[in-house]
Protein backbone atom coordinates (compact mmCIF):
# COMPACT_ATOMS: atom_id res chain seq x y z
CA UNK A 1 0.00 0.00 0.00
CA UNK A 2 1.41 3.44 -0.88
CA UNK A 3 2.19 5.92 1.86
CA UNK A 4 -0.99 7.65 2.94
CA UNK A 5 -1.37 11.33 3.44
CA UNK A 6 -2.72 12.10 6.87
CA UNK A 7 -6.26 13.21 7.63
CA UNK A 8 -7.32 16.05 9.90
CA UNK A 9 -11.04 16.39 10.64
CA UNK A 10 -12.46 19.58 12.14
CA UNK A 11 -15.74 19.17 14.03
CA UNK A 12 -17.37 22.61 13.86
CA UNK A 13 -20.43 22.16 16.08
CA UNK A 14 -21.62 20.11 19.05
CA UNK A 15 -23.66 17.86 16.75
CA UNK A 16 -23.41 14.20 17.86
CA UNK A 17 -23.91 12.95 14.29
CA UNK A 18 -20.98 15.01 13.01
CA UNK A 19 -18.90 13.85 15.98
CA UNK A 20 -19.67 10.22 15.24
CA UNK A 21 -18.85 10.68 11.55
CA UNK A 22 -15.56 12.43 12.42
CA UNK A 23 -14.50 9.64 14.78
CA UNK A 24 -15.42 6.94 12.28
CA UNK A 25 -13.62 8.69 9.42
CA UNK A 26 -10.49 9.27 11.50
CA UNK A 27 -10.58 5.71 12.82
CA UNK A 28 -10.74 4.36 9.28
CA UNK A 29 -7.71 6.47 8.33
CA UNK A 30 -5.81 5.27 11.39
CA UNK A 31 -6.71 1.65 10.61
CA UNK A 32 -5.05 2.18 7.23
CA UNK A 33 -1.99 3.41 9.12
CA UNK A 34 -2.36 7.06 8.18
CA UNK A 35 -2.02 9.92 10.66
CA UNK A 36 -5.49 10.84 11.89
CA UNK A 37 -6.45 13.86 13.98
CA UNK A 38 -9.83 15.20 15.09
CA UNK A 39 -10.04 18.83 16.18
CA UNK A 40 -13.07 19.84 18.28
CA UNK A 41 -13.73 23.51 17.53
CA UNK A 42 -15.34 25.75 20.14
CA UNK A 43 -18.66 24.16 21.33
CA UNK A 44 -17.62 20.80 19.86
CA UNK A 45 -15.34 20.31 22.89
CA UNK A 46 -18.45 19.36 24.84
CA UNK A 47 -18.53 16.14 22.77
CA UNK A 48 -15.26 14.91 24.24
CA UNK A 49 -17.02 12.95 26.98
CA UNK A 50 -15.66 9.42 26.76
CA UNK A 51 -17.68 7.01 24.67
CA UNK A 52 -17.08 3.70 22.95
CA UNK A 53 -16.17 5.46 19.70
CA UNK A 54 -13.65 7.69 21.48
CA UNK A 55 -12.03 4.67 23.08
CA UNK A 56 -11.85 2.85 19.74
CA UNK A 57 -10.39 5.90 17.98
CA UNK A 58 -7.75 6.31 20.68
CA UNK A 59 -6.82 2.64 20.49
CA UNK A 60 -6.27 3.03 16.75
CA UNK A 61 -4.01 6.03 17.33
CA UNK A 62 -6.34 8.90 16.47
CA UNK A 63 -5.18 12.18 18.02
CA UNK A 64 -7.97 14.24 19.61
CA UNK A 65 -7.42 17.98 19.88
CA UNK A 66 -9.60 20.28 22.00
CA UNK A 67 -10.00 23.95 21.14
CA UNK A 68 -8.50 25.97 23.99
CA UNK A 69 -11.04 28.76 23.49
CA UNK A 70 -13.90 26.27 23.59
CA UNK A 71 -12.62 24.67 26.79
CA UNK A 72 -12.42 28.09 28.46
CA UNK A 73 -15.82 29.23 27.16
CA UNK A 74 -17.50 26.09 28.51
CA UNK A 75 -15.42 25.99 31.70
CA UNK A 76 -14.18 22.48 30.90
CA UNK A 77 -10.88 20.89 31.86
CA UNK A 78 -8.69 19.39 29.15
CA UNK A 79 -9.44 15.66 29.07
CA UNK A 80 -6.36 13.57 29.80
CA UNK A 81 -6.70 11.76 26.45
CA UNK A 82 -6.77 14.94 24.33
CA UNK A 83 -4.31 17.64 23.38
CA UNK A 84 -5.05 21.35 23.66
CA UNK A 85 -4.78 23.38 20.49
CA UNK A 86 -6.14 26.10 18.30
CA UNK A 87 -6.75 26.74 14.65
CA UNK A 88 -3.36 28.39 14.15
CA UNK A 89 -1.42 25.44 15.56
CA UNK A 90 -3.69 22.98 13.74
CA UNK A 91 -3.01 24.60 10.37
CA UNK A 92 0.68 25.09 11.14
CA UNK A 93 1.00 21.33 11.73
CA UNK A 94 -1.23 20.28 8.82
CA UNK A 95 1.63 19.41 6.49
CA UNK A 96 0.34 17.16 3.69
CA UNK A 97 -2.76 16.08 5.62
CA UNK A 98 -6.13 16.26 3.92
CA UNK A 99 -8.45 18.65 5.78
CA UNK A 100 -12.13 17.81 6.26
CA UNK A 101 -14.69 19.89 8.14
CA UNK A 102 -17.92 18.49 9.53
PDB file of N, CA and C in Angstrom:
ATOM      1  N   UNK A   1       0.845  -1.176   0.000  1.00  0.00           N
ATOM      2  CA  UNK A   1       0.000   0.000   0.000  1.00  0.00           C
ATOM      3  C   UNK A   1       0.889   1.237   0.000  1.00  0.00           C
ATOM      4  N   UNK A   2       0.597   2.227  -0.844  1.00  0.00           N
ATOM      5  CA  UNK A   2       1.414   3.439  -0.875  1.00  0.00           C
ATOM      6  C   UNK A   2       1.280   4.216   0.422  1.00  0.00           C
ATOM      7  N   UNK A   3       2.261   5.077   0.675  1.00  0.00           N
ATOM      8  CA  UNK A   3       2.188   5.923   1.864  1.00  0.00           C
ATOM      9  C   UNK A   3       0.941   6.794   1.788  1.00  0.00           C
ATOM     10  N   UNK A   4       0.228   6.854   2.883  1.00  0.00           N
ATOM     11  CA  UNK A   4      -0.991   7.650   2.942  1.00  0.00           C
ATOM     12  C   UNK A   4      -0.687   9.048   3.443  1.00  0.00           C
ATOM     13  N   UNK A   5      -1.382   9.999   2.862  1.00  0.00           N
ATOM     14  CA  UNK A   5      -1.369  11.334   3.444  1.00  0.00           C
ATOM     15  C   UNK A   5      -2.215  11.253   4.700  1.00  0.00           C
ATOM     16  N   UNK A   6      -1.939  12.093   5.650  1.00  0.00           N
ATOM     17  CA  UNK A   6      -2.724  12.100   6.871  1.00  0.00           C
ATOM     18  C   UNK A   6      -4.096  12.719   6.654  1.00  0.00           C
ATOM     19  N   UNK A   7      -4.913  12.656   7.684  1.00  0.00           N
ATOM     20  CA  UNK A   7      -6.256  13.210   7.632  1.00  0.00           C
ATOM     21  C   UNK A   7      -6.510  13.988   8.914  1.00  0.00           C
ATOM     22  N   UNK A   8      -6.924  15.228   8.762  1.00  0.00           N
ATOM     23  CA  UNK A   8      -7.321  16.053   9.895  1.00  0.00           C
ATOM     24  C   UNK A   8      -8.777  16.433   9.702  1.00  0.00           C
ATOM     25  N   UNK A   9      -9.607  16.104  10.698  1.00  0.00           N
ATOM     26  CA  UNK A   9     -11.041  16.386  10.641  1.00  0.00           C
ATOM     27  C   UNK A   9     -11.351  17.457  11.682  1.00  0.00           C
ATOM     28  N   UNK A  10     -12.033  18.509  11.246  1.00  0.00           N
ATOM     29  CA  UNK A  10     -12.462  19.580  12.144  1.00  0.00           C
ATOM     30  C   UNK A  10     -13.953  19.417  12.389  1.00  0.00           C
ATOM     31  N   UNK A  11     -14.324  19.243  13.648  1.00  0.00           N
ATOM     32  CA  UNK A  11     -15.740  19.173  14.033  1.00  0.00           C
ATOM     33  C   UNK A  11     -16.138  20.583  14.444  1.00  0.00           C
ATOM     34  N   UNK A  12     -17.072  21.188  13.689  1.00  0.00           N
ATOM     35  CA  UNK A  12     -17.366  22.611  13.861  1.00  0.00           C
ATOM     36  C   UNK A  12     -18.489  22.928  14.835  1.00  0.00           C
ATOM     37  N   UNK A  13     -19.307  21.928  15.167  1.00  0.00           N
ATOM     38  CA  UNK A  13     -20.433  22.158  16.078  1.00  0.00           C
ATOM     39  C   UNK A  13     -20.547  20.998  17.062  1.00  0.00           C
ATOM     40  N   UNK A  14     -21.406  21.156  18.038  1.00  0.00           N
ATOM     41  CA  UNK A  14     -21.617  20.109  19.047  1.00  0.00           C
ATOM     42  C   UNK A  14     -22.684  19.114  18.594  1.00  0.00           C
ATOM     43  N   UNK A  15     -22.695  18.793  17.323  1.00  0.00           N
ATOM     44  CA  UNK A  15     -23.662  17.863  16.746  1.00  0.00           C
ATOM     45  C   UNK A  15     -23.152  16.430  16.903  1.00  0.00           C
ATOM     46  N   UNK A  16     -23.872  15.579  17.635  1.00  0.00           N
ATOM     47  CA  UNK A  16     -23.411  14.203  17.857  1.00  0.00           C
ATOM     48  C   UNK A  16     -23.236  13.396  16.570  1.00  0.00           C
ATOM     49  N   UNK A  17     -24.049  13.674  15.551  1.00  0.00           N
ATOM     50  CA  UNK A  17     -23.913  12.951  14.289  1.00  0.00           C
ATOM     51  C   UNK A  17     -22.606  13.318  13.585  1.00  0.00           C
ATOM     52  N   UNK A  18     -22.251  14.584  13.601  1.00  0.00           N
ATOM     53  CA  UNK A  18     -20.980  15.013  13.007  1.00  0.00           C
ATOM     54  C   UNK A  18     -19.809  14.428  13.792  1.00  0.00           C
ATOM     55  N   UNK A  19     -19.943  14.406  15.113  1.00  0.00           N
ATOM     56  CA  UNK A  19     -18.900  13.852  15.985  1.00  0.00           C
ATOM     57  C   UNK A  19     -18.672  12.380  15.664  1.00  0.00           C
ATOM     58  N   UNK A  20     -19.764  11.649  15.551  1.00  0.00           N
ATOM     59  CA  UNK A  20     -19.671  10.221  15.239  1.00  0.00           C
ATOM     60  C   UNK A  20     -19.021  10.015  13.869  1.00  0.00           C
ATOM     61  N   UNK A  21     -19.425  10.792  12.884  1.00  0.00           N
ATOM     62  CA  UNK A  21     -18.847  10.685  11.551  1.00  0.00           C
ATOM     63  C   UNK A  21     -17.353  11.020  11.576  1.00  0.00           C
ATOM     64  N   UNK A  22     -16.976  12.040  12.319  1.00  0.00           N
ATOM     65  CA  UNK A  22     -15.563  12.427  12.415  1.00  0.00           C
ATOM     66  C   UNK A  22     -14.731  11.311  13.035  1.00  0.00           C
ATOM     67  N   UNK A  23     -15.233  10.725  14.121  1.00  0.00           N
ATOM     68  CA  UNK A  23     -14.499   9.642  14.775  1.00  0.00           C
ATOM     69  C   UNK A  23     -14.391   8.414  13.876  1.00  0.00           C
ATOM     70  N   UNK A  24     -15.454   8.103  13.158  1.00  0.00           N
ATOM     71  CA  UNK A  24     -15.418   6.941  12.275  1.00  0.00           C
ATOM     72  C   UNK A  24     -14.476   7.172  11.093  1.00  0.00           C
ATOM     73  N   UNK A  25     -14.504   8.367  10.534  1.00  0.00           N
ATOM     74  CA  UNK A  25     -13.619   8.694   9.419  1.00  0.00           C
ATOM     75  C   UNK A  25     -12.159   8.658   9.850  1.00  0.00           C
ATOM     76  N   UNK A  26     -11.857   9.271  10.989  1.00  0.00           N
ATOM     77  CA  UNK A  26     -10.486   9.275  11.498  1.00  0.00           C
ATOM     78  C   UNK A  26     -10.035   7.866  11.880  1.00  0.00           C
ATOM     79  N   UNK A  27     -10.926   7.087  12.453  1.00  0.00           N
ATOM     80  CA  UNK A  27     -10.577   5.713  12.822  1.00  0.00           C
ATOM     81  C   UNK A  27     -10.252   4.876  11.591  1.00  0.00           C
ATOM     82  N   UNK A  28     -11.016   5.077  10.520  1.00  0.00           N
ATOM     83  CA  UNK A  28     -10.738   4.359   9.277  1.00  0.00           C
ATOM     84  C   UNK A  28      -9.363   4.735   8.734  1.00  0.00           C
ATOM     85  N   UNK A  29      -9.040   6.016   8.784  1.00  0.00           N
ATOM     86  CA  UNK A  29      -7.715   6.470   8.331  1.00  0.00           C
ATOM     87  C   UNK A  29      -6.613   5.842   9.179  1.00  0.00           C
ATOM     88  N   UNK A  30      -6.808   5.846  10.490  1.00  0.00           N
ATOM     89  CA  UNK A  30      -5.806   5.267  11.391  1.00  0.00           C
ATOM     90  C   UNK A  30      -5.664   3.763  11.159  1.00  0.00           C
ATOM     91  N   UNK A  31      -6.766   3.087  10.880  1.00  0.00           N
ATOM     92  CA  UNK A  31      -6.715   1.650  10.614  1.00  0.00           C
ATOM     93  C   UNK A  31      -5.894   1.356   9.358  1.00  0.00           C
ATOM     94  N   UNK A  32      -5.865   2.316   8.435  1.00  0.00           N
ATOM     95  CA  UNK A  32      -5.051   2.177   7.225  1.00  0.00           C
ATOM     96  C   UNK A  32      -3.616   2.650   7.443  1.00  0.00           C
ATOM     97  N   UNK A  33      -3.319   2.989   8.686  1.00  0.00           N
ATOM     98  CA  UNK A  33      -1.985   3.409   9.120  1.00  0.00           C
ATOM     99  C   UNK A  33      -1.601   4.828   8.692  1.00  0.00           C
ATOM    100  N   UNK A  34      -2.607   5.646   8.457  1.00  0.00           N
ATOM    101  CA  UNK A  34      -2.358   7.056   8.176  1.00  0.00           C
ATOM    102  C   UNK A  34      -2.491   7.858   9.459  1.00  0.00           C
ATOM    103  N   UNK A  35      -1.860   9.036   9.496  1.00  0.00           N
ATOM    104  CA  UNK A  35      -2.016   9.915  10.655  1.00  0.00           C
ATOM    105  C   UNK A  35      -3.436  10.462  10.648  1.00  0.00           C
ATOM    106  N   UNK A  36      -4.100  10.397  11.788  1.00  0.00           N
ATOM    107  CA  UNK A  36      -5.485  10.844  11.886  1.00  0.00           C
ATOM    108  C   UNK A  36      -5.647  11.725  13.117  1.00  0.00           C
ATOM    109  N   UNK A  37      -6.207  12.916  12.886  1.00  0.00           N
ATOM    110  CA  UNK A  37      -6.453  13.861  13.979  1.00  0.00           C
ATOM    111  C   UNK A  37      -7.874  14.383  13.878  1.00  0.00           C
ATOM    112  N   UNK A  38      -8.507  14.593  15.033  1.00  0.00           N
ATOM    113  CA  UNK A  38      -9.835  15.201  15.093  1.00  0.00           C
ATOM    114  C   UNK A  38      -9.727  16.417  15.997  1.00  0.00           C
ATOM    115  N   UNK A  39     -10.073  17.568  15.444  1.00  0.00           N
ATOM    116  CA  UNK A  39     -10.038  18.831  16.178  1.00  0.00           C
ATOM    117  C   UNK A  39     -11.461  19.237  16.519  1.00  0.00           C
ATOM    118  N   UNK A  40     -11.746  19.407  17.809  1.00  0.00           N
ATOM    119  CA  UNK A  40     -13.065  19.838  18.281  1.00  0.00           C
ATOM    120  C   UNK A  40     -13.041  21.351  18.445  1.00  0.00           C
ATOM    121  N   UNK A  41     -13.736  22.044  17.550  1.00  0.00           N
ATOM    122  CA  UNK A  41     -13.728  23.509  17.531  1.00  0.00           C
ATOM    123  C   UNK A  41     -14.825  24.070  18.434  1.00  0.00           C
ATOM    124  N   UNK A  42     -14.455  25.032  19.234  1.00  0.00           N
ATOM    125  CA  UNK A  42     -15.341  25.754  20.143  1.00  0.00           C
ATOM    126  C   UNK A  42     -16.341  24.849  20.855  1.00  0.00           C
ATOM    127  N   UNK A  43     -17.649  24.932  20.581  1.00  0.00           N
ATOM    128  CA  UNK A  43     -18.655  24.161  21.326  1.00  0.00           C
ATOM    129  C   UNK A  43     -18.510  22.651  21.135  1.00  0.00           C
ATOM    130  N   UNK A  44     -17.813  22.232  20.091  1.00  0.00           N
ATOM    131  CA  UNK A  44     -17.624  20.797  19.860  1.00  0.00           C
ATOM    132  C   UNK A  44     -16.809  20.136  20.964  1.00  0.00           C
ATOM    133  N   UNK A  45     -16.104  20.915  21.778  1.00  0.00           N
ATOM    134  CA  UNK A  45     -15.338  20.315  22.887  1.00  0.00           C
ATOM    135  C   UNK A  45     -16.248  19.621  23.883  1.00  0.00           C
ATOM    136  N   UNK A  46     -17.525  20.003  23.913  1.00  0.00           N
ATOM    137  CA  UNK A  46     -18.451  19.360  24.844  1.00  0.00           C
ATOM    138  C   UNK A  46     -18.719  17.903  24.456  1.00  0.00           C
ATOM    139  N   UNK A  47     -18.336  17.521  23.241  1.00  0.00           N
ATOM    140  CA  UNK A  47     -18.530  16.143  22.767  1.00  0.00           C
ATOM    141  C   UNK A  47     -17.417  15.203  23.224  1.00  0.00           C
ATOM    142  N   UNK A  48     -16.409  15.724  23.865  1.00  0.00           N
ATOM    143  CA  UNK A  48     -15.258  14.910  24.237  1.00  0.00           C
ATOM    144  C   UNK A  48     -15.501  13.965  25.405  1.00  0.00           C
ATOM    145  N   UNK A  49     -16.725  13.925  25.928  1.00  0.00           N
ATOM    146  CA  UNK A  49     -17.018  12.949  26.979  1.00  0.00           C
ATOM    147  C   UNK A  49     -16.713  11.556  26.431  1.00  0.00           C
ATOM    148  N   UNK A  50     -16.076  10.735  27.250  1.00  0.00           N
ATOM    149  CA  UNK A  50     -15.664   9.415  26.762  1.00  0.00           C
ATOM    150  C   UNK A  50     -16.855   8.596  26.293  1.00  0.00           C
ATOM    151  N   UNK A  51     -16.668   7.918  25.206  1.00  0.00           N
ATOM    152  CA  UNK A  51     -17.676   7.009  24.668  1.00  0.00           C
ATOM    153  C   UNK A  51     -16.940   5.857  24.010  1.00  0.00           C
ATOM    154  N   UNK A  52     -17.693   4.860  23.594  1.00  0.00           N
ATOM    155  CA  UNK A  52     -17.084   3.699  22.952  1.00  0.00           C
ATOM    156  C   UNK A  52     -16.305   4.107  21.707  1.00  0.00           C
ATOM    157  N   UNK A  53     -16.867   5.027  20.917  1.00  0.00           N
ATOM    158  CA  UNK A  53     -16.171   5.461  19.700  1.00  0.00           C
ATOM    159  C   UNK A  53     -14.883   6.207  20.015  1.00  0.00           C
ATOM    160  N   UNK A  54     -14.874   6.998  21.083  1.00  0.00           N
ATOM    161  CA  UNK A  54     -13.646   7.688  21.478  1.00  0.00           C
ATOM    162  C   UNK A  54     -12.592   6.668  21.865  1.00  0.00           C
ATOM    163  N   UNK A  55     -12.979   5.698  22.653  1.00  0.00           N
ATOM    164  CA  UNK A  55     -12.026   4.671  23.079  1.00  0.00           C
ATOM    165  C   UNK A  55     -11.449   3.922  21.880  1.00  0.00           C
ATOM    166  N   UNK A  56     -12.296   3.561  20.935  1.00  0.00           N
ATOM    167  CA  UNK A  56     -11.846   2.854  19.742  1.00  0.00           C
ATOM    168  C   UNK A  56     -10.894   3.720  18.933  1.00  0.00           C
ATOM    169  N   UNK A  57     -11.247   4.985  18.741  1.00  0.00           N
ATOM    170  CA  UNK A  57     -10.389   5.900  17.979  1.00  0.00           C
ATOM    171  C   UNK A  57      -9.022   6.036  18.647  1.00  0.00           C
ATOM    172  N   UNK A  58      -9.020   6.184  19.956  1.00  0.00           N
ATOM    173  CA  UNK A  58      -7.754   6.314  20.681  1.00  0.00           C
ATOM    174  C   UNK A  58      -6.910   5.052  20.549  1.00  0.00           C
ATOM    175  N   UNK A  59      -7.547   3.906  20.635  1.00  0.00           N
ATOM    176  CA  UNK A  59      -6.820   2.638  20.495  1.00  0.00           C
ATOM    177  C   UNK A  59      -6.178   2.511  19.118  1.00  0.00           C
ATOM    178  N   UNK A  60      -6.814   3.076  18.112  1.00  0.00           N
ATOM    179  CA  UNK A  60      -6.273   3.031  16.752  1.00  0.00           C
ATOM    180  C   UNK A  60      -5.189   4.082  16.511  1.00  0.00           C
ATOM    181  N   UNK A  61      -5.040   5.008  17.454  1.00  0.00           N
ATOM    182  CA  UNK A  61      -4.006   6.035  17.328  1.00  0.00           C
ATOM    183  C   UNK A  61      -4.493   7.385  16.863  1.00  0.00           C
ATOM    184  N   UNK A  62      -5.804   7.597  16.841  1.00  0.00           N
ATOM    185  CA  UNK A  62      -6.345   8.902  16.472  1.00  0.00           C
ATOM    186  C   UNK A  62      -5.965   9.914  17.545  1.00  0.00           C
ATOM    187  N   UNK A  63      -5.530  11.081  17.114  1.00  0.00           N
ATOM    188  CA  UNK A  63      -5.181  12.176  18.023  1.00  0.00           C
ATOM    189  C   UNK A  63      -6.391  13.093  18.142  1.00  0.00           C
ATOM    190  N   UNK A  64      -6.852  13.339  19.358  1.00  0.00           N
ATOM    191  CA  UNK A  64      -7.973  14.239  19.611  1.00  0.00           C
ATOM    192  C   UNK A  64      -7.433  15.557  20.128  1.00  0.00           C
ATOM    193  N   UNK A  65      -7.892  16.646  19.519  1.00  0.00           N
ATOM    194  CA  UNK A  65      -7.423  17.984  19.882  1.00  0.00           C
ATOM    195  C   UNK A  65      -8.622  18.822  20.303  1.00  0.00           C
ATOM    196  N   UNK A  66      -8.522  19.439  21.465  1.00  0.00           N
ATOM    197  CA  UNK A  66      -9.597  20.275  22.000  1.00  0.00           C
ATOM    198  C   UNK A  66      -9.231  21.747  21.842  1.00  0.00           C
ATOM    199  N   UNK A  67     -10.165  22.513  21.315  1.00  0.00           N
ATOM    200  CA  UNK A  67     -10.001  23.954  21.144  1.00  0.00           C
ATOM    201  C   UNK A  67      -9.838  24.610  22.522  1.00  0.00           C
ATOM    202  N   UNK A  68      -8.748  25.310  22.702  1.00  0.00           N
ATOM    203  CA  UNK A  68      -8.500  25.965  23.993  1.00  0.00           C
ATOM    204  C   UNK A  68      -9.561  27.014  24.308  1.00  0.00           C
ATOM    205  N   UNK A  69      -9.991  27.747  23.300  1.00  0.00           N
ATOM    206  CA  UNK A  69     -11.036  28.758  23.491  1.00  0.00           C
ATOM    207  C   UNK A  69     -12.347  28.103  23.901  1.00  0.00           C
ATOM    208  N   UNK A  70     -12.675  26.988  23.258  1.00  0.00           N
ATOM    209  CA  UNK A  70     -13.903  26.267  23.590  1.00  0.00           C
ATOM    210  C   UNK A  70     -13.883  25.720  25.005  1.00  0.00           C
ATOM    211  N   UNK A  71     -12.739  25.185  25.415  1.00  0.00           N
ATOM    212  CA  UNK A  71     -12.624  24.673  26.786  1.00  0.00           C
ATOM    213  C   UNK A  71     -12.873  25.789  27.789  1.00  0.00           C
ATOM    214  N   UNK A  72     -12.257  26.959  27.546  1.00  0.00           N
ATOM    215  CA  UNK A  72     -12.417  28.093  28.459  1.00  0.00           C
ATOM    216  C   UNK A  72     -13.851  28.608  28.450  1.00  0.00           C
ATOM    217  N   UNK A  73     -14.454  28.702  27.268  1.00  0.00           N
ATOM    218  CA  UNK A  73     -15.822  29.226  27.156  1.00  0.00           C
ATOM    219  C   UNK A  73     -16.835  28.331  27.860  1.00  0.00           C
ATOM    220  N   UNK A  74     -16.576  27.043  27.887  1.00  0.00           N
ATOM    221  CA  UNK A  74     -17.504  26.090  28.512  1.00  0.00           C
ATOM    222  C   UNK A  74     -17.028  25.644  29.890  1.00  0.00           C
ATOM    223  N   UNK A  75     -15.983  26.285  30.373  1.00  0.00           N
ATOM    224  CA  UNK A  75     -15.417  25.993  31.703  1.00  0.00           C
ATOM    225  C   UNK A  75     -15.157  24.498  31.882  1.00  0.00           C
ATOM    226  N   UNK A  76     -14.498  23.910  30.886  1.00  0.00           N
ATOM    227  CA  UNK A  76     -14.182  22.483  30.902  1.00  0.00           C
ATOM    228  C   UNK A  76     -12.687  22.260  31.053  1.00  0.00           C
ATOM    229  N   UNK A  77     -12.297  21.234  31.795  1.00  0.00           N
ATOM    230  CA  UNK A  77     -10.882  20.890  31.859  1.00  0.00           C
ATOM    231  C   UNK A  77     -10.478  20.143  30.585  1.00  0.00           C
ATOM    232  N   UNK A  78      -9.204  20.164  30.271  1.00  0.00           N
ATOM    233  CA  UNK A  78      -8.693  19.391  29.148  1.00  0.00           C
ATOM    234  C   UNK A  78      -8.721  17.918  29.529  1.00  0.00           C
ATOM    235  N   UNK A  79      -9.435  17.094  28.757  1.00  0.00           N
ATOM    236  CA  UNK A  79      -9.439  15.658  29.065  1.00  0.00           C
ATOM    237  C   UNK A  79      -8.022  15.088  28.959  1.00  0.00           C
ATOM    238  N   UNK A  80      -7.715  14.120  29.775  1.00  0.00           N
ATOM    239  CA  UNK A  80      -6.358  13.570  29.800  1.00  0.00           C
ATOM    240  C   UNK A  80      -5.983  12.847  28.504  1.00  0.00           C
ATOM    241  N   UNK A  81      -6.962  12.483  27.690  1.00  0.00           N
ATOM    242  CA  UNK A  81      -6.696  11.758  26.455  1.00  0.00           C
ATOM    243  C   UNK A  81      -6.617  12.676  25.235  1.00  0.00           C
ATOM    244  N   UNK A  82      -6.776  13.987  25.440  1.00  0.00           N
ATOM    245  CA  UNK A  82      -6.771  14.944  24.325  1.00  0.00           C
ATOM    246  C   UNK A  82      -5.630  15.934  24.487  1.00  0.00           C
ATOM    247  N   UNK A  83      -5.296  16.564  23.379  1.00  0.00           N
ATOM    248  CA  UNK A  83      -4.307  17.640  23.375  1.00  0.00           C
ATOM    249  C   UNK A  83      -5.049  18.967  23.267  1.00  0.00           C
ATOM    250  N   UNK A  84      -4.485  20.016  23.827  1.00  0.00           N
ATOM    251  CA  UNK A  84      -5.045  21.352  23.662  1.00  0.00           C
ATOM    252  C   UNK A  84      -4.469  21.960  22.392  1.00  0.00           C
ATOM    253  N   UNK A  85      -5.273  22.741  21.708  1.00  0.00           N
ATOM    254  CA  UNK A  85      -4.778  23.381  20.494  1.00  0.00           C
ATOM    255  C   UNK A  85      -5.716  24.462  20.026  1.00  0.00           C
ATOM    256  N   UNK A  86      -5.340  25.065  18.930  1.00  0.00           N
ATOM    257  CA  UNK A  86      -6.140  26.101  18.303  1.00  0.00           C
ATOM    258  C   UNK A  86      -6.020  25.989  16.806  1.00  0.00           C
ATOM    259  N   UNK A  87      -6.775  26.810  16.104  1.00  0.00           N
ATOM    260  CA  UNK A  87      -6.753  26.742  14.647  1.00  0.00           C
ATOM    261  C   UNK A  87      -5.382  27.073  14.068  1.00  0.00           C
ATOM    262  N   UNK A  88      -4.674  28.018  14.671  1.00  0.00           N
ATOM    263  CA  UNK A  88      -3.360  28.391  14.151  1.00  0.00           C
ATOM    264  C   UNK A  88      -2.398  27.210  14.247  1.00  0.00           C
ATOM    265  N   UNK A  89      -2.333  26.575  15.409  1.00  0.00           N
ATOM    266  CA  UNK A  89      -1.418  25.436  15.560  1.00  0.00           C
ATOM    267  C   UNK A  89      -1.872  24.255  14.697  1.00  0.00           C
ATOM    268  N   UNK A  90      -3.177  24.068  14.562  1.00  0.00           N
ATOM    269  CA  UNK A  90      -3.695  22.981  13.739  1.00  0.00           C
ATOM    270  C   UNK A  90      -3.237  23.147  12.287  1.00  0.00           C
ATOM    271  N   UNK A  91      -3.408  24.348  11.752  1.00  0.00           N
ATOM    272  CA  UNK A  91      -3.011  24.602  10.372  1.00  0.00           C
ATOM    273  C   UNK A  91      -1.497  24.600  10.205  1.00  0.00           C
ATOM    274  N   UNK A  92      -0.776  25.079  11.206  1.00  0.00           N
ATOM    275  CA  UNK A  92       0.682  25.086  11.137  1.00  0.00           C
ATOM    276  C   UNK A  92       1.246  23.670  11.076  1.00  0.00           C
ATOM    277  N   UNK A  93       0.548  22.722  11.682  1.00  0.00           N
ATOM    278  CA  UNK A  93       1.003  21.331  11.728  1.00  0.00           C
ATOM    279  C   UNK A  93       0.303  20.452  10.693  1.00  0.00           C
ATOM    280  N   UNK A  94      -0.450  21.043   9.781  1.00  0.00           N
ATOM    281  CA  UNK A  94      -1.234  20.281   8.816  1.00  0.00           C
ATOM    282  C   UNK A  94      -0.351  19.496   7.849  1.00  0.00           C
ATOM    283  N   UNK A  95       0.746  20.085   7.435  1.00  0.00           N
ATOM    284  CA  UNK A  95       1.629  19.405   6.494  1.00  0.00           C
ATOM    285  C   UNK A  95       0.875  18.977   5.250  1.00  0.00           C
ATOM    286  N   UNK A  96       1.005  17.710   4.880  1.00  0.00           N
ATOM    287  CA  UNK A  96       0.343  17.157   3.693  1.00  0.00           C
ATOM    288  C   UNK A  96      -1.000  16.507   4.008  1.00  0.00           C
ATOM    289  N   UNK A  97      -1.475  16.664   5.238  1.00  0.00           N
ATOM    290  CA  UNK A  97      -2.764  16.078   5.618  1.00  0.00           C
ATOM    291  C   UNK A  97      -3.891  16.631   4.740  1.00  0.00           C
ATOM    292  N   UNK A  98      -4.876  15.794   4.513  1.00  0.00           N
ATOM    293  CA  UNK A  98      -6.129  16.256   3.919  1.00  0.00           C
ATOM    294  C   UNK A  98      -6.931  16.880   5.063  1.00  0.00           C
ATOM    295  N   UNK A  99      -7.667  17.938   4.771  1.00  0.00           N
ATOM    296  CA  UNK A  99      -8.448  18.649   5.780  1.00  0.00           C
ATOM    297  C   UNK A  99      -9.923  18.510   5.438  1.00  0.00           C
ATOM    298  N   UNK A 100     -10.688  17.997   6.418  1.00  0.00           N
ATOM    299  CA  UNK A 100     -12.135  17.810   6.256  1.00  0.00           C
ATOM    300  C   UNK A 100     -12.823  18.544   7.395  1.00  0.00           C
ATOM    301  N   UNK A 101     -13.889  19.253   7.084  1.00  0.00           N
ATOM    302  CA  UNK A 101     -14.686  19.889   8.145  1.00  0.00           C
ATOM    303  C   UNK A 101     -16.077  19.274   8.150  1.00  0.00           C
ATOM    304  N   UNK A 102     -16.582  19.035   9.343  1.00  0.00           N
ATOM    305  CA  UNK A 102     -17.920  18.489   9.534  1.00  0.00           C
ATOM    306  C   UNK A 102     -18.690  19.389  10.477  1.00  0.00           C
TER     307      UNK A 102
END
